[in-house]
Amino acid sequence: MPADFHTLRNYYERQVIECVTDHSPNYPMLTDEQHPDVACVALNRLPPRYIRHEVDLAFYLTEKERIENERVVDEAVRYAFEFVQARFAMRARR
């Protein structure tokens, strides 16, 4: 029987999606349709961390590492919102 790879995912995906949702009211110029673009830009700024189960990595992280992860995710998402918003504005001017 072949191995089941469906359980693999990037650790940051859930965090980025939650952060995009939390910050979206601060960027009313962007629509819900553009939020996945924001998430993609943010995820591409973060190092990949693949896990099978959330508890796998969470169990081994120190409190300091958790706080740092939250900071880098927030920073990446803020950058991504600004990037996508700037692209949207440039297209609107054409």
PDB file of N, CA and C in Angstrom:
ATOM      1  N   MET A   1       0.838  -1.166   0.000  1.00  0.00           N
ATOM      2  CA  MET A   1       0.000   0.000   0.000  1.00  0.00           C
ATOM      3  C   MET A   1       0.899   1.252   0.000  1.00  0.00           C
ATOM      4  N   PRO A   2       0.607   2.240  -0.864  1.00  0.00           N
ATOM      5  CA  PRO A   2       1.435   3.452  -0.911  1.00  0.00           C
ATOM      6  C   PRO A   2       1.240   4.304   0.345  1.00  0.00           C
ATOM      7  N   ALA A   3       2.252   5.087   0.637  1.00  0.00           N
ATOM      8  CA  ALA A   3       2.203   5.974   1.804  1.00  0.00           C
ATOM      9  C   ALA A   3       1.130   7.047   1.622  1.00  0.00           C
ATOM     10  N   ASP A   4       0.550   7.482   2.713  1.00  0.00           N
ATOM     11  CA  ASP A   4      -0.468   8.532   2.699  1.00  0.00           C
ATOM     12  C   ASP A   4       0.195   9.881   2.992  1.00  0.00           C
ATOM     13  N   PHE A   5       0.303  10.708   1.968  1.00  0.00           N
ATOM     14  CA  PHE A   5       0.942  12.008   2.120  1.00  0.00           C
ATOM     15  C   PHE A   5      -0.075  13.136   2.335  1.00  0.00           C
ATOM     16  N   HIS A   6      -1.340  12.799   2.472  1.00  0.00           N
ATOM     17  CA  HIS A   6      -2.383  13.813   2.637  1.00  0.00           C
ATOM     18  C   HIS A   6      -2.303  14.560   3.964  1.00  0.00           C
ATOM     19  N   THR A   7      -1.591  14.002   4.908  1.00  0.00           N
ATOM     20  CA  THR A   7      -1.489  14.655   6.212  1.00  0.00           C
ATOM     21  C   THR A   7      -0.381  15.705   6.273  1.00  0.00           C
ATOM     22  N   LEU A   8       0.438  15.798   5.242  1.00  0.00           N
ATOM     23  CA  LEU A   8       1.526  16.785   5.224  1.00  0.00           C
ATOM     24  C   LEU A   8       0.973  18.171   4.915  1.00  0.00           C
ATOM     25  N   ARG A   9       1.492  19.173   5.648  1.00  0.00           N
ATOM     26  CA  ARG A   9       1.109  20.557   5.360  1.00  0.00           C
ATOM     27  C   ARG A   9       2.144  21.501   5.939  1.00  0.00           C
ATOM     28  N   ASN A  10       2.090  22.726   5.481  1.00  0.00           N
ATOM     29  CA  ASN A  10       2.999  23.761   5.968  1.00  0.00           C
ATOM     30  C   ASN A  10       2.454  24.287   7.300  1.00  0.00           C
ATOM     31  N   TYR A  11       3.274  24.268   8.309  1.00  0.00           N
ATOM     32  CA  TYR A  11       2.901  24.715   9.650  1.00  0.00           C
ATOM     33  C   TYR A  11       2.328  26.131   9.648  1.00  0.00           C
ATOM     34  N   TYR A  12       2.826  27.006   8.808  1.00  0.00           N
ATOM     35  CA  TYR A  12       2.415  28.403   8.813  1.00  0.00           C
ATOM     36  C   TYR A  12       1.072  28.670   8.132  1.00  0.00           C
ATOM     37  N   GLU A  13       0.540  27.731   7.363  1.00  0.00           N
ATOM     38  CA  GLU A  13      -0.695  27.992   6.616  1.00  0.00           C
ATOM     39  C   GLU A  13      -1.838  28.457   7.514  1.00  0.00           C
ATOM     40  N   ARG A  14      -2.129  27.712   8.550  1.00  0.00           N
ATOM     41  CA  ARG A  14      -3.243  28.054   9.435  1.00  0.00           C
ATOM     42  C   ARG A  14      -3.003  29.399  10.108  1.00  0.00           C
ATOM     43  N   GLN A  15      -1.780  29.625  10.581  1.00  0.00           N
ATOM     44  CA  GLN A  15      -1.459  30.886  11.250  1.00  0.00           C
ATOM     45  C   GLN A  15      -1.614  32.078  10.308  1.00  0.00           C
ATOM     46  N   VAL A  16      -1.145  31.925   9.074  1.00  0.00           N
ATOM     47  CA  VAL A  16      -1.236  33.015   8.100  1.00  0.00           C
ATOM     48  C   VAL A  16      -2.697  33.303   7.769  1.00  0.00           C
ATOM     49  N   ILE A  17      -3.492  32.276   7.552  1.00  0.00           N
ATOM     50  CA  ILE A  17      -4.905  32.482   7.218  1.00  0.00           C
ATOM     51  C   ILE A  17      -5.625  33.202   8.357  1.00  0.00           C
ATOM     52  N   GLU A  18      -5.355  32.802   9.585  1.00  0.00           N
ATOM     53  CA  GLU A  18      -5.969  33.477  10.738  1.00  0.00           C
ATOM     54  C   GLU A  18      -5.523  34.936  10.821  1.00  0.00           C
ATOM     55  N   CYS A  19      -4.265  35.179  10.569  1.00  0.00           N
ATOM     56  CA  CYS A  19      -3.720  36.536  10.636  1.00  0.00           C
ATOM     57  C   CYS A  19      -4.297  37.410   9.514  1.00  0.00           C
ATOM     58  N   VAL A  20      -4.435  36.861   8.326  1.00  0.00           N
ATOM     59  CA  VAL A  20      -5.050  37.598   7.217  1.00  0.00           C
ATOM     60  C   VAL A  20      -6.483  37.969   7.589  1.00  0.00           C
ATOM     61  N   THR A  21      -7.210  37.042   8.149  1.00  0.00           N
ATOM     62  CA  THR A  21      -8.588  37.301   8.561  1.00  0.00           C
ATOM     63  C   THR A  21      -8.637  38.390   9.637  1.00  0.00           C
ATOM     64  N   ASP A  22      -7.720  38.332  10.586  1.00  0.00           N
ATOM     65  CA  ASP A  22      -7.683  39.330  11.662  1.00  0.00           C
ATOM     66  C   ASP A  22      -7.350  40.729  11.141  1.00  0.00           C
ATOM     67  N   HIS A  23      -6.441  40.823  10.178  1.00  0.00           N
ATOM     68  CA  HIS A  23      -5.998  42.131   9.670  1.00  0.00           C
ATOM     69  C   HIS A  23      -6.866  42.673   8.531  1.00  0.00           C
ATOM     70  N   SER A  24      -7.711  41.864   7.957  1.00  0.00           N
ATOM     71  CA  SER A  24      -8.478  42.291   6.777  1.00  0.00           C
ATOM     72  C   SER A  24      -9.315  43.555   7.004  1.00  0.00           C
ATOM     73  N   PRO A  25      -9.906  43.789   8.188  1.00  0.00           N
ATOM     74  CA  PRO A  25     -10.647  45.052   8.365  1.00  0.00           C
ATOM     75  C   PRO A  25      -9.772  46.300   8.224  1.00  0.00           C
ATOM     76  N   ASN A  26      -8.472  46.151   8.421  1.00  0.00           N
ATOM     77  CA  ASN A  26      -7.559  47.288   8.290  1.00  0.00           C
ATOM     78  C   ASN A  26      -7.237  47.627   6.835  1.00  0.00           C
ATOM     79  N   TYR A  27      -7.690  46.783   5.921  1.00  0.00           N
ATOM     80  CA  TYR A  27      -7.420  46.968   4.485  1.00  0.00           C
ATOM     81  C   TYR A  27      -8.724  46.859   3.698  1.00  0.00           C
ATOM     82  N   PRO A  28      -9.639  47.802   3.897  1.00  0.00           N
ATOM     83  CA  PRO A  28     -10.957  47.721   3.249  1.00  0.00           C
ATOM     84  C   PRO A  28     -10.914  47.847   1.727  1.00  0.00           C
ATOM     85  N   MET A  29      -9.796  48.320   1.195  1.00  0.00           N
ATOM     86  CA  MET A  29      -9.668  48.453  -0.253  1.00  0.00           C
ATOM     87  C   MET A  29      -9.605  47.074  -0.927  1.00  0.00           C
ATOM     88  N   LEU A  30      -9.187  46.064  -0.176  1.00  0.00           N
ATOM     89  CA  LEU A  30      -9.065  44.716  -0.726  1.00  0.00           C
ATOM     90  C   LEU A  30     -10.319  43.910  -0.409  1.00  0.00           C
ATOM     91  N   THR A  31     -10.712  43.081  -1.366  1.00  0.00           N
ATOM     92  CA  THR A  31     -11.904  42.257  -1.199  1.00  0.00           C
ATOM     93  C   THR A  31     -11.537  40.874  -0.662  1.00  0.00           C
ATOM     94  N   ASP A  32     -12.547  40.144  -0.254  1.00  0.00           N
ATOM     95  CA  ASP A  32     -12.330  38.772   0.215  1.00  0.00           C
ATOM     96  C   ASP A  32     -11.669  37.921  -0.869  1.00  0.00           C
ATOM     97  N   GLU A  33     -11.922  38.254  -2.108  1.00  0.00           N
ATOM     98  CA  GLU A  33     -11.333  37.505  -3.224  1.00  0.00           C
ATOM     99  C   GLU A  33      -9.815  37.682  -3.293  1.00  0.00           C
ATOM    100  N   GLN A  34      -9.316  38.790  -2.778  1.00  0.00           N
ATOM    101  CA  GLN A  34      -7.878  39.059  -2.804  1.00  0.00           C
ATOM    102  C   GLN A  34      -7.146  38.533  -1.574  1.00  0.00           C
ATOM    103  N   HIS A  35      -7.865  38.140  -0.561  1.00  0.00           N
ATOM    104  CA  HIS A  35      -7.227  37.652   0.662  1.00  0.00           C
ATOM    105  C   HIS A  35      -6.382  36.397   0.443  1.00  0.00           C
ATOM    106  N   PRO A  36      -6.793  35.454  -0.402  1.00  0.00           N
ATOM    107  CA  PRO A  36      -5.888  34.329  -0.684  1.00  0.00           C
ATOM    108  C   PRO A  36      -4.576  34.780  -1.339  1.00  0.00           C
ATOM    109  N   ASP A  37      -4.615  35.844  -2.137  1.00  0.00           N
ATOM    110  CA  ASP A  37      -3.381  36.381  -2.720  1.00  0.00           C
ATOM    111  C   ASP A  37      -2.471  36.910  -1.616  1.00  0.00           C
ATOM    112  N   VAL A  38      -3.066  37.590  -0.651  1.00  0.00           N
ATOM    113  CA  VAL A  38      -2.303  38.097   0.494  1.00  0.00           C
ATOM    114  C   VAL A  38      -1.657  36.926   1.236  1.00  0.00           C
ATOM    115  N   ALA A  39      -2.430  35.872   1.465  1.00  0.00           N
ATOM    116  CA  ALA A  39      -1.894  34.700   2.165  1.00  0.00           C
ATOM    117  C   ALA A  39      -0.738  34.079   1.396  1.00  0.00           C
ATOM    118  N   CYS A  40      -0.852  33.998   0.082  1.00  0.00           N
ATOM    119  CA  CYS A  40       0.226  33.422  -0.734  1.00  0.00           C
ATOM    120  C   CYS A  40       1.495  34.257  -0.633  1.00  0.00           C
ATOM    121  N   VAL A  41       1.365  35.576  -0.724  1.00  0.00           N
ATOM    122  CA  VAL A  41       2.536  36.442  -0.616  1.00  0.00           C
ATOM    123  C   VAL A  41       3.184  36.267   0.760  1.00  0.00           C
ATOM    124  N   ALA A  42       2.379  36.242   1.798  1.00  0.00           N
ATOM    125  CA  ALA A  42       2.912  36.076   3.152  1.00  0.00           C
ATOM    126  C   ALA A  42       3.606  34.724   3.305  1.00  0.00           C
ATOM    127  N   LEU A  43       2.982  33.653   2.838  1.00  0.00           N
ATOM    128  CA  LEU A  43       3.577  32.322   2.966  1.00  0.00           C
ATOM    129  C   LEU A  43       4.896  32.228   2.202  1.00  0.00           C
ATOM    130  N   ASN A  44       4.992  32.907   1.079  1.00  0.00           N
ATOM    131  CA  ASN A  44       6.236  32.878   0.309  1.00  0.00           C
ATOM    132  C   ASN A  44       7.365  33.650   0.985  1.00  0.00           C
ATOM    133  N   ARG A  45       7.036  34.480   1.959  1.00  0.00           N
ATOM    134  CA  ARG A  45       8.059  35.216   2.715  1.00  0.00           C
ATOM    135  C   ARG A  45       8.537  34.430   3.934  1.00  0.00           C
ATOM    136  N   LEU A  46       7.853  33.367   4.261  1.00  0.00           N
ATOM    137  CA  LEU A  46       8.190  32.567   5.451  1.00  0.00           C
ATOM    138  C   LEU A  46       8.910  31.288   5.038  1.00  0.00           C
ATOM    139  N   PRO A  47       9.772  30.784   5.906  1.00  0.00           N
ATOM    140  CA  PRO A  47      10.424  29.509   5.578  1.00  0.00           C
ATOM    141  C   PRO A  47       9.413  28.374   5.674  1.00  0.00           C
ATOM    142  N   PRO A  48       9.483  27.400   4.799  1.00  0.00           N
ATOM    143  CA  PRO A  48       8.540  26.277   4.900  1.00  0.00           C
ATOM    144  C   PRO A  48       8.859  25.426   6.124  1.00  0.00           C
ATOM    145  N   ARG A  49       7.822  25.022   6.816  1.00  0.00           N
ATOM    146  CA  ARG A  49       7.953  24.122   7.974  1.00  0.00           C
ATOM    147  C   ARG A  49       6.847  23.094   7.835  1.00  0.00           C
ATOM    148  N   TYR A  50       7.192  21.962   7.305  1.00  0.00           N
ATOM    149  CA  TYR A  50       6.177  20.946   7.051  1.00  0.00           C
ATOM    150  C   TYR A  50       5.995  20.035   8.249  1.00  0.00           C
ATOM    151  N   ILE A  51       4.740  19.765   8.531  1.00  0.00           N
ATOM    152  CA  ILE A  51       4.375  18.911   9.651  1.00  0.00           C
ATOM    153  C   ILE A  51       3.280  17.954   9.208  1.00  0.00           C
ATOM    154  N   ARG A  52       3.059  16.948   9.994  1.00  0.00           N
ATOM    155  CA  ARG A  52       1.930  16.041   9.770  1.00  0.00           C
ATOM    156  C   ARG A  52       0.785  16.389  10.709  1.00  0.00           C
ATOM    157  N   HIS A  53       1.124  16.758  11.927  1.00  0.00           N
ATOM    158  CA  HIS A  53       0.117  17.090  12.934  1.00  0.00           C
ATOM    159  C   HIS A  53       0.564  18.342  13.669  1.00  0.00           C
ATOM    160  N   GLU A  54      -0.375  19.224  13.936  1.00  0.00           N
ATOM    161  CA  GLU A  54      -0.081  20.489  14.619  1.00  0.00           C
ATOM    162  C   GLU A  54       0.672  20.252  15.933  1.00  0.00           C
ATOM    163  N   VAL A  55       0.268  19.250  16.648  1.00  0.00           N
ATOM    164  CA  VAL A  55       0.870  18.974  17.956  1.00  0.00           C
ATOM    165  C   VAL A  55       2.342  18.570  17.816  1.00  0.00           C
ATOM    166  N   ASP A  56       2.722  18.026  16.673  1.00  0.00           N
ATOM    167  CA  ASP A  56       4.113  17.598  16.472  1.00  0.00           C
ATOM    168  C   ASP A  56       5.089  18.737  16.716  1.00  0.00           C
ATOM    169  N   LEU A  57       4.839  19.871  16.102  1.00  0.00           N
ATOM    170  CA  LEU A  57       5.750  21.000  16.243  1.00  0.00           C
ATOM    171  C   LEU A  57       5.447  21.795  17.511  1.00  0.00           C
ATOM    172  N   ALA A  58       4.186  21.995  17.796  1.00  0.00           N
ATOM    173  CA  ALA A  58       3.804  22.796  18.965  1.00  0.00           C
ATOM    174  C   ALA A  58       4.397  22.224  20.252  1.00  0.00           C
ATOM    175  N   PHE A  59       4.503  20.923  20.337  1.00  0.00           N
ATOM    176  CA  PHE A  59       5.031  20.269  21.521  1.00  0.00           C
ATOM    177  C   PHE A  59       6.495  20.619  21.754  1.00  0.00           C
ATOM    178  N   TYR A  60       7.237  20.822  20.673  1.00  0.00           N
ATOM    179  CA  TYR A  60       8.672  21.053  20.775  1.00  0.00           C
ATOM    180  C   TYR A  60       9.072  22.525  20.797  1.00  0.00           C
ATOM    181  N   LEU A  61       8.141  23.428  20.534  1.00  0.00           N
ATOM    182  CA  LEU A  61       8.473  24.851  20.532  1.00  0.00           C
ATOM    183  C   LEU A  61       8.514  25.410  21.951  1.00  0.00           C
ATOM    184  N   THR A  62       9.487  26.259  22.206  1.00  0.00           N
ATOM    185  CA  THR A  62       9.517  26.984  23.486  1.00  0.00           C
ATOM    186  C   THR A  62       8.567  28.170  23.379  1.00  0.00           C
ATOM    187  N   GLU A  63       8.285  28.784  24.502  1.00  0.00           N
ATOM    188  CA  GLU A  63       7.424  29.965  24.509  1.00  0.00           C
ATOM    189  C   GLU A  63       8.058  31.083  23.671  1.00  0.00           C
ATOM    190  N   LYS A  64       9.355  31.230  23.779  1.00  0.00           N
ATOM    191  CA  LYS A  64      10.074  32.241  22.991  1.00  0.00           C
ATOM    192  C   LYS A  64       9.918  31.979  21.493  1.00  0.00           C
ATOM    193  N   GLU A  65      10.018  30.725  21.076  1.00  0.00           N
ATOM    194  CA  GLU A  65       9.853  30.374  19.655  1.00  0.00           C
ATOM    195  C   GLU A  65       8.423  30.617  19.182  1.00  0.00           C
ATOM    196  N   ARG A  66       7.465  30.331  20.021  1.00  0.00           N
ATOM    197  CA  ARG A  66       6.057  30.593  19.661  1.00  0.00           C
ATOM    198  C   ARG A  66       5.821  32.078  19.434  1.00  0.00           C
ATOM    199  N   ILE A  67       6.353  32.889  20.345  1.00  0.00           N
ATOM    200  CA  ILE A  67       6.196  34.342  20.222  1.00  0.00           C
ATOM    201  C   ILE A  67       6.890  34.844  18.963  1.00  0.00           C
ATOM    202  N   GLU A  68       8.067  34.324  18.679  1.00  0.00           N
ATOM    203  CA  GLU A  68       8.801  34.722  17.468  1.00  0.00           C
ATOM    204  C   GLU A  68       8.032  34.303  16.219  1.00  0.00           C
ATOM    205  N   ASN A  69       7.446  33.108  16.223  1.00  0.00           N
ATOM    206  CA  ASN A  69       6.634  32.663  15.088  1.00  0.00           C
ATOM    207  C   ASN A  69       5.462  33.607  14.851  1.00  0.00           C
ATOM    208  N   GLU A  70       4.796  34.002  15.916  1.00  0.00           N
ATOM    209  CA  GLU A  70       3.675  34.933  15.790  1.00  0.00           C
ATOM    210  C   GLU A  70       4.142  36.264  15.211  1.00  0.00           C
ATOM    211  N   ARG A  71       5.302  36.726  15.655  1.00  0.00           N
ATOM    212  CA  ARG A  71       5.835  38.000  15.159  1.00  0.00           C
ATOM    213  C   ARG A  71       6.155  37.934  13.669  1.00  0.00           C
ATOM    214  N   VAL A  72       6.844  36.869  13.246  1.00  0.00           N
ATOM    215  CA  VAL A  72       7.225  36.785  11.832  1.00  0.00           C
ATOM    216  C   VAL A  72       6.003  36.588  10.940  1.00  0.00           C
ATOM    217  N   VAL A  73       5.001  35.873  11.426  1.00  0.00           N
ATOM    218  CA  VAL A  73       3.769  35.709  10.651  1.00  0.00           C
ATOM    219  C   VAL A  73       3.070  37.050  10.508  1.00  0.00           C
ATOM    220  N   ASP A  74       2.949  37.779  11.610  1.00  0.00           N
ATOM    221  CA  ASP A  74       2.298  39.087  11.571  1.00  0.00           C
ATOM    222  C   ASP A  74       3.036  40.030  10.626  1.00  0.00           C
ATOM    223  N   GLU A  75       4.348  40.037  10.690  1.00  0.00           N
ATOM    224  CA  GLU A  75       5.159  40.885   9.819  1.00  0.00           C
ATOM    225  C   GLU A  75       4.971  40.502   8.346  1.00  0.00           C
ATOM    226  N   ALA A  76       4.972  39.224   8.052  1.00  0.00           N
ATOM    227  CA  ALA A  76       4.788  38.752   6.673  1.00  0.00           C
ATOM    228  C   ALA A  76       3.405  39.107   6.150  1.00  0.00           C
ATOM    229  N   VAL A  77       2.394  38.989   6.989  1.00  0.00           N
ATOM    230  CA  VAL A  77       1.023  39.295   6.562  1.00  0.00           C
ATOM    231  C   VAL A  77       0.853  40.798   6.334  1.00  0.00           C
ATOM    232  N   ARG A  78       1.397  41.601   7.203  1.00  0.00           N
ATOM    233  CA  ARG A  78       1.314  43.057   7.003  1.00  0.00           C
ATOM    234  C   ARG A  78       2.014  43.470   5.699  1.00  0.00           C
ATOM    235  N   TYR A  79       3.186  42.911   5.466  1.00  0.00           N
ATOM    236  CA  TYR A  79       3.895  43.182   4.207  1.00  0.00           C
ATOM    237  C   TYR A  79       3.027  42.761   3.016  1.00  0.00           C
ATOM    238  N   ALA A  80       2.448  41.576   3.106  1.00  0.00           N
ATOM    239  CA  ALA A  80       1.650  41.037   2.003  1.00  0.00           C
ATOM    240  C   ALA A  80       0.431  41.908   1.713  1.00  0.00           C
ATOM    241  N   PHE A  81      -0.236  42.378   2.754  1.00  0.00           N
ATOM    242  CA  PHE A  81      -1.378  43.273   2.541  1.00  0.00           C
ATOM    243  C   PHE A  81      -0.936  44.532   1.809  1.00  0.00           C
ATOM    244  N   GLU A  82       0.166  45.122   2.242  1.00  0.00           N
ATOM    245  CA  GLU A  82       0.664  46.336   1.591  1.00  0.00           C
ATOM    246  C   GLU A  82       1.053  46.067   0.138  1.00  0.00           C
ATOM    247  N   PHE A  83       1.684  44.936  -0.101  1.00  0.00           N
ATOM    248  CA  PHE A  83       2.113  44.565  -1.449  1.00  0.00           C
ATOM    249  C   PHE A  83       0.905  44.388  -2.371  1.00  0.00           C
ATOM    250  N   VAL A  84      -0.060  43.595  -1.944  1.00  0.00           N
ATOM    251  CA  VAL A  84      -1.242  43.331  -2.778  1.00  0.00           C
ATOM    252  C   VAL A  84      -2.053  44.613  -2.956  1.00  0.00           C
ATOM    253  N   GLN A  85      -2.174  45.402  -1.916  1.00  0.00           N
ATOM    254  CA  GLN A  85      -2.909  46.664  -2.023  1.00  0.00           C
ATOM    255  C   GLN A  85      -2.230  47.609  -3.009  1.00  0.00           C
ATOM    256  N   ALA A  86      -0.909  47.675  -2.993  1.00  0.00           N
ATOM    257  CA  ALA A  86      -0.180  48.533  -3.930  1.00  0.00           C
ATOM    258  C   ALA A  86      -0.381  48.051  -5.365  1.00  0.00           C
ATOM    259  N   ARG A  87      -0.347  46.742  -5.573  1.00  0.00           N
ATOM    260  CA  ARG A  87      -0.585  46.193  -6.916  1.00  0.00           C
ATOM    261  C   ARG A  87      -1.997  46.515  -7.388  1.00  0.00           C
ATOM    262  N   PHE A  88      -2.950  46.398  -6.484  1.00  0.00           N
ATOM    263  CA  PHE A  88      -4.349  46.703  -6.814  1.00  0.00           C
ATOM    264  C   PHE A  88      -4.480  48.175  -7.212  1.00  0.00           C
ATOM    265  N   ALA A  89      -3.830  49.048  -6.455  1.00  0.00           N
ATOM    266  CA  ALA A  89      -3.879  50.491  -6.749  1.00  0.00           C
ATOM    267  C   ALA A  89      -3.237  50.802  -8.094  1.00  0.00           C
ATOM    268  N   MET A  90      -2.110  50.149  -8.400  1.00  0.00           N
ATOM    269  CA  MET A  90      -1.450  50.376  -9.688  1.00  0.00           C
ATOM    270  C   MET A  90      -2.342  49.944 -10.837  1.00  0.00           C
ATOM    271  N   ARG A  91      -3.010  48.827 -10.705  1.00  0.00           N
ATOM    272  CA  ARG A  91      -3.909  48.348 -11.766  1.00  0.00           C
ATOM    273  C   ARG A  91      -5.103  49.273 -11.935  1.00  0.00           C
ATOM    274  N   ALA A  92      -5.599  49.841 -10.841  1.00  0.00           N
ATOM    275  CA  ALA A  92      -6.749  50.718 -10.889  1.00  0.00           C
ATOM    276  C   ALA A  92      -6.428  52.018 -11.630  1.00  0.00           C
ATOM    277  N   ARG A  93      -5.157  52.423 -11.592  1.00  0.00           N
ATOM    278  CA  ARG A  93      -4.759  53.656 -12.270  1.00  0.00           C
ATOM    279  C   ARG A  93      -4.671  53.503 -13.778  1.00  0.00           C
ATOM    280  N   ARG A  94      -4.586  52.289 -14.263  1.00  0.00           N
ATOM    281  CA  ARG A  94      -4.445  52.085 -15.717  1.00  0.00           C
ATOM    282  C   ARG A  94      -5.698  52.342 -16.467  1.00  0.00           C
TER     283      ARG A  94
END
